[in-house]
Amino acid sequence: MSELAVILLVVVVVLGIRKLPELTRSAGRAARIFKSGSRALKDQSATDDAAGPGRVVRGTVVDGEAPRPRR
């Protein structure tokens, strides 16, 4: 635990006392942006799941051997 305190003290001295509030503010903003983004993704996936199956895309299966004639 004492090593962590020494490292924290060095970081405070290096960044300076004036920069510390700005650093914590920007870290808080980043955390809020991350939370809102993850919440939006959860909401989007919940609405996608509630909407049922997605749209159906029809296609042909290609086995990779001889090309099949088009109809």
Protein backbone atom coordinates (compact mmCIF):
# COMPACT_ATOMS: atom_id res chain seq x y z
CA MET A 1 0.00 0.00 0.00
CA SER A 2 2.87 2.38 0.71
CA GLU A 3 4.21 1.94 -2.84
CA LEU A 4 0.84 3.03 -4.21
CA ALA A 5 0.91 6.15 -2.03
CA VAL A 6 4.40 7.04 -3.24
CA ILE A 7 3.37 6.56 -6.88
CA LEU A 8 0.29 8.74 -6.34
CA LEU A 9 2.42 11.44 -4.71
CA VAL A 10 4.85 11.41 -7.64
CA VAL A 11 1.95 11.71 -10.11
CA VAL A 12 0.54 14.70 -8.20
CA VAL A 13 3.93 16.41 -8.15
CA VAL A 14 4.55 15.73 -11.84
CA LEU A 15 1.13 16.88 -13.01
CA GLY A 16 1.06 19.80 -10.65
CA ILE A 17 -1.60 20.87 -8.24
CA ARG A 18 -3.27 23.16 -10.80
CA LYS A 19 -3.77 20.36 -13.35
CA LEU A 20 -5.33 17.89 -10.92
CA PRO A 21 -8.91 19.33 -10.91
CA GLU A 22 -8.89 19.51 -14.70
CA LEU A 23 -7.73 15.91 -14.90
CA THR A 24 -10.45 14.66 -12.56
CA ARG A 25 -13.11 16.65 -14.44
CA SER A 26 -12.09 15.18 -17.78
CA ALA A 27 -12.00 11.68 -16.27
CA GLY A 28 -15.55 12.20 -14.95
CA ARG A 29 -16.75 13.39 -18.36
CA ALA A 30 -15.16 10.39 -20.05
CA ALA A 31 -16.84 8.04 -17.58
CA ARG A 32 -20.24 9.69 -18.19
CA ILE A 33 -19.81 9.46 -21.97
CA PHE A 34 -18.83 5.80 -21.68
CA LYS A 35 -21.83 5.03 -19.47
CA SER A 36 -24.28 6.77 -21.79
CA GLY A 37 -22.81 5.00 -24.81
CA SER A 38 -23.05 1.58 -23.21
CA ARG A 39 -26.60 2.36 -22.02
CA ALA A 40 -27.56 3.35 -25.58
CA LEU A 41 -26.13 0.10 -26.95
CA LYS A 42 -28.08 -1.92 -24.39
CA ASP A 43 -31.28 -0.06 -25.23
CA GLN A 44 -30.70 -0.58 -28.96
CA SER A 45 -30.09 -4.31 -28.56
CA ALA A 46 -33.18 -4.61 -26.34
CA THR A 47 -35.37 -2.93 -28.99
CA ASP A 48 -33.82 -5.09 -31.71
CA ASP A 49 -34.59 -8.23 -29.70
CA ALA A 50 -38.14 -7.07 -28.98
CA ALA A 51 -38.79 -6.33 -32.64
CA GLY A 52 -38.49 -10.02 -33.45
CA PRO A 53 -36.39 -11.59 -36.15
CA GLY A 54 -34.57 -9.31 -38.53
CA ARG A 55 -35.36 -8.92 -42.15
CA VAL A 56 -35.02 -11.97 -44.35
CA VAL A 57 -32.43 -11.83 -47.10
CA ARG A 58 -32.94 -14.43 -49.78
CA GLY A 59 -29.99 -15.80 -51.66
CA THR A 60 -28.55 -18.87 -53.30
CA VAL A 61 -26.12 -21.36 -51.84
CA VAL A 62 -22.92 -21.69 -53.83
CA ASP A 63 -20.95 -24.89 -53.38
CA GLY A 64 -17.83 -23.60 -55.14
CA GLU A 65 -17.71 -26.20 -57.91
CA ALA A 66 -19.31 -25.64 -61.30
CA PRO A 67 -21.30 -22.42 -61.79
CA ARG A 68 -25.06 -22.92 -61.98
CA PRO A 69 -27.09 -21.40 -64.79
CA ARG A 70 -29.23 -18.41 -63.84
CA ARG A 71 -32.99 -18.71 -64.05
